[in-house]
N, C-alpha and C. Protein backbone atom coordinates (compact mmCIF):
# COMPACT_ATOMS: atom_id res chain seq x y z
N MET A 1 95.41 105.13 99.00
CA MET A 1 95.40 104.20 98.38
C MET A 1 94.95 102.95 99.58
N SER A 2 94.74 101.85 99.38
CA SER A 2 93.78 100.97 100.17
C SER A 2 94.82 100.27 101.11
N GLU A 3 94.54 100.14 102.48
CA GLU A 3 95.38 99.82 103.48
C GLU A 3 94.94 97.81 103.51
N LYS A 4 94.12 97.53 102.34
CA LYS A 4 93.94 96.15 102.64
C LYS A 4 95.19 95.27 101.96
N LEU A 5 95.09 93.75 102.31
CA LEU A 5 96.17 93.29 101.80
C LEU A 5 95.85 92.59 100.62
N HIS A 6 94.50 92.77 100.12
CA HIS A 6 94.08 92.37 98.64
C HIS A 6 93.36 93.17 98.04
N LEU A 7 93.14 93.21 96.80
CA LEU A 7 92.49 94.31 96.08
C LEU A 7 91.28 93.34 95.41
N THR A 8 90.05 93.39 95.67
CA THR A 8 89.24 92.77 94.96
C THR A 8 88.51 93.35 93.59
N PRO A 9 88.04 92.61 92.85
CA PRO A 9 87.49 93.04 91.42
C PRO A 9 86.90 94.41 91.63
N GLU A 10 85.90 94.53 92.62
CA GLU A 10 85.07 95.64 92.84
C GLU A 10 85.84 97.02 93.44
N ASP A 11 87.08 96.87 94.19
CA ASP A 11 87.87 97.79 94.44
C ASP A 11 88.41 98.73 93.38
N GLU A 12 88.68 99.89 93.86
CA GLU A 12 89.08 101.12 92.78
C GLU A 12 90.58 100.42 92.43
N PHE A 13 90.59 100.75 91.10
CA PHE A 13 92.25 100.62 90.57
C PHE A 13 92.40 101.67 89.56
N PRO A 14 93.67 102.15 89.71
CA PRO A 14 94.04 103.20 89.08
C PRO A 14 94.07 102.85 87.22
N GLU A 15 93.45 104.03 86.71
CA GLU A 15 93.09 104.10 85.19
C GLU A 15 94.41 103.81 84.47
N ASP A 16 95.46 104.67 85.06
CA ASP A 16 96.94 104.92 84.18
C ASP A 16 97.91 104.55 85.07
N LEU A 17 98.38 103.43 85.08
CA LEU A 17 99.37 102.71 86.00
C LEU A 17 100.81 103.59 85.90
N SER A 18 100.94 104.15 84.73
CA SER A 18 102.29 105.11 84.44
C SER A 18 102.40 106.29 85.27
N LYS A 19 101.30 106.54 86.05
CA LYS A 19 101.34 107.69 86.86
C LYS A 19 101.50 107.48 88.46
N VAL A 20 101.62 106.04 88.61
CA VAL A 20 101.62 105.48 89.91
C VAL A 20 102.96 105.48 90.38
N GLU A 21 103.63 105.89 91.73
CA GLU A 21 104.75 105.63 91.94
C GLU A 21 105.14 104.41 92.33
N ASP A 22 106.69 104.14 91.96
CA ASP A 22 106.99 102.68 92.33
C ASP A 22 106.55 101.96 93.41
N THR A 23 106.78 102.51 94.41
CA THR A 23 106.33 101.95 96.02
C THR A 23 104.84 101.48 95.79
N GLU A 24 103.98 102.30 95.30
CA GLU A 24 102.43 102.10 95.38
C GLU A 24 102.22 101.00 94.31
N LEU A 25 102.97 101.17 93.20
CA LEU A 25 102.66 100.00 92.41
C LEU A 25 103.16 98.51 92.74
N GLN A 26 104.29 98.50 93.57
CA GLN A 26 104.55 97.33 94.07
C GLN A 26 103.57 96.99 95.12
N VAL A 27 102.96 97.82 95.76
CA VAL A 27 101.86 97.41 96.89
C VAL A 27 100.82 97.08 96.05
N LEU A 28 100.22 97.83 94.69
CA LEU A 28 99.37 97.13 94.31
C LEU A 28 99.54 95.80 93.65
N ASP A 29 100.75 95.41 93.15
CA ASP A 29 100.92 94.04 92.77
C ASP A 29 100.76 93.14 93.69
N SER A 30 101.19 93.32 94.95
CA SER A 30 100.97 92.34 96.02
C SER A 30 99.78 92.04 96.31
N GLN A 31 98.81 93.30 96.32
CA GLN A 31 97.61 92.89 96.65
C GLN A 31 96.64 92.29 95.55
N ILE A 32 97.26 92.46 94.35
CA ILE A 32 96.59 91.48 92.99
C ILE A 32 96.96 90.20 93.29
N GLN A 33 98.31 89.97 93.84
CA GLN A 33 98.94 88.81 93.58
C GLN A 33 97.95 87.89 94.81
N ARG A 34 97.81 88.51 96.06
CA ARG A 34 97.04 87.97 97.02
C ARG A 34 95.68 87.70 96.90
N GLN A 35 94.83 88.78 95.92
CA GLN A 35 93.59 88.29 95.45
C GLN A 35 93.69 86.96 94.45
N LEU A 36 94.38 87.01 93.59
CA LEU A 36 94.69 86.01 92.73
C LEU A 36 94.93 84.75 93.36
N ASP A 37 95.54 84.74 94.54
CA ASP A 37 96.03 83.48 95.28
C ASP A 37 94.66 83.11 95.89
N TYR A 38 93.81 84.04 96.48
CA TYR A 38 92.58 83.76 97.18
C TYR A 38 91.50 82.97 96.17
N GLU A 39 91.38 83.80 94.89
CA GLU A 39 90.45 83.31 93.98
C GLU A 39 90.98 82.00 93.52
N TYR A 40 92.11 81.56 93.58
CA TYR A 40 92.25 80.26 92.98
C TYR A 40 91.79 79.09 93.95
N VAL A 41 92.23 79.47 95.37
CA VAL A 41 91.89 78.35 96.40
C VAL A 41 90.28 78.66 96.64
N ALA A 42 89.78 79.64 96.60
CA ALA A 42 88.17 79.73 97.06
C ALA A 42 87.18 79.27 95.79
N ASP A 43 87.70 79.70 94.68
CA ASP A 43 86.84 79.63 93.54
C ASP A 43 87.47 78.44 92.26
N GLY A 44 88.63 78.17 92.30
CA GLY A 44 89.17 77.13 91.47
C GLY A 44 89.78 78.15 90.38
N GLU A 45 89.40 79.35 89.91
CA GLU A 45 89.91 80.24 88.74
C GLU A 45 89.67 81.71 89.55
N PRO A 46 90.64 82.67 88.63
CA PRO A 46 90.52 83.71 89.16
C PRO A 46 89.38 84.66 88.33
N ASN A 47 88.98 85.71 89.12
CA ASN A 47 88.18 86.37 88.23
C ASN A 47 88.98 87.15 87.41
N PRO A 48 88.31 87.31 86.09
CA PRO A 48 88.76 87.95 84.81
C PRO A 48 89.29 89.30 85.26
N GLU A 49 88.42 90.11 85.85
CA GLU A 49 88.97 91.28 86.34
C GLU A 49 90.30 91.38 86.97
N THR A 50 90.66 90.45 87.91
CA THR A 50 91.67 90.44 88.66
C THR A 50 92.94 89.72 87.60
N GLU A 51 92.33 89.08 86.67
CA GLU A 51 93.59 88.52 85.65
C GLU A 51 94.09 89.69 84.75
N PHE A 52 93.06 90.67 84.60
CA PHE A 52 93.25 91.84 83.63
C PHE A 52 94.16 92.60 84.40
N ARG A 53 93.97 93.12 85.45
CA ARG A 53 94.66 93.89 86.65
C ARG A 53 96.06 93.31 86.75
N HIS A 54 96.18 92.07 86.90
CA HIS A 54 97.55 91.47 86.98
C HIS A 54 98.44 91.43 85.80
N PHE A 55 97.85 91.27 84.80
CA PHE A 55 98.43 91.47 83.36
C PHE A 55 99.00 92.90 83.10
N ASP A 56 97.94 93.96 83.64
CA ASP A 56 98.00 95.33 83.54
C ASP A 56 99.47 95.66 83.94
N LEU A 57 99.65 95.00 85.34
CA LEU A 57 100.73 95.47 86.44
C LEU A 57 101.95 94.91 85.74
N ASP A 58 102.06 93.57 85.15
CA ASP A 58 103.11 92.97 84.62
C ASP A 58 103.66 93.88 83.38
N GLU A 59 102.81 94.23 82.42
CA GLU A 59 103.02 95.19 81.42
C GLU A 59 103.99 96.70 81.92
N GLU A 60 103.46 97.26 83.14
CA GLU A 60 103.76 98.36 83.56
C GLU A 60 105.42 98.01 84.03
N PHE A 61 105.25 96.93 85.14
CA PHE A 61 106.79 96.74 85.42
C PHE A 61 107.65 96.56 84.14
N THR A 62 107.33 95.96 83.25
CA THR A 62 108.05 95.56 81.94
C THR A 62 108.31 96.76 81.60
N GLU A 63 107.68 97.46 81.30
CA GLU A 63 107.94 99.00 80.53
C GLU A 63 108.83 99.81 81.39
N ARG A 64 108.38 99.92 82.53
CA ARG A 64 109.65 100.76 83.64
C ARG A 64 110.78 100.08 83.36
N ASP A 65 111.11 98.65 83.33
CA ASP A 65 112.38 98.08 83.34
C ASP A 65 113.22 98.45 82.02
N LYS A 66 112.20 98.80 80.90
CA LYS A 66 112.95 99.07 79.72
C LYS A 66 113.51 100.55 79.93
N ARG A 67 112.85 101.71 80.60
CA ARG A 67 113.19 102.87 80.90
C ARG A 67 114.46 103.12 81.87
N ASP A 68 114.82 101.99 82.39
CA ASP A 68 116.16 102.18 83.23
C ASP A 68 117.32 102.00 82.57
């Protein structure tokens, strides 16, 4: 996994989030949130790919909460 603090739309992203460990999923979420923050400040709006990734992460967290 990337050592970066943010994950650009061009960076690799897992196809199946259900196979990602909890800790790595939290890191991905943090990276995507930082990227969203950057895009809002720099561009005035998020990149659609970053938004999709954020949505996918939220869905995965919701699904995991249901399993517990």
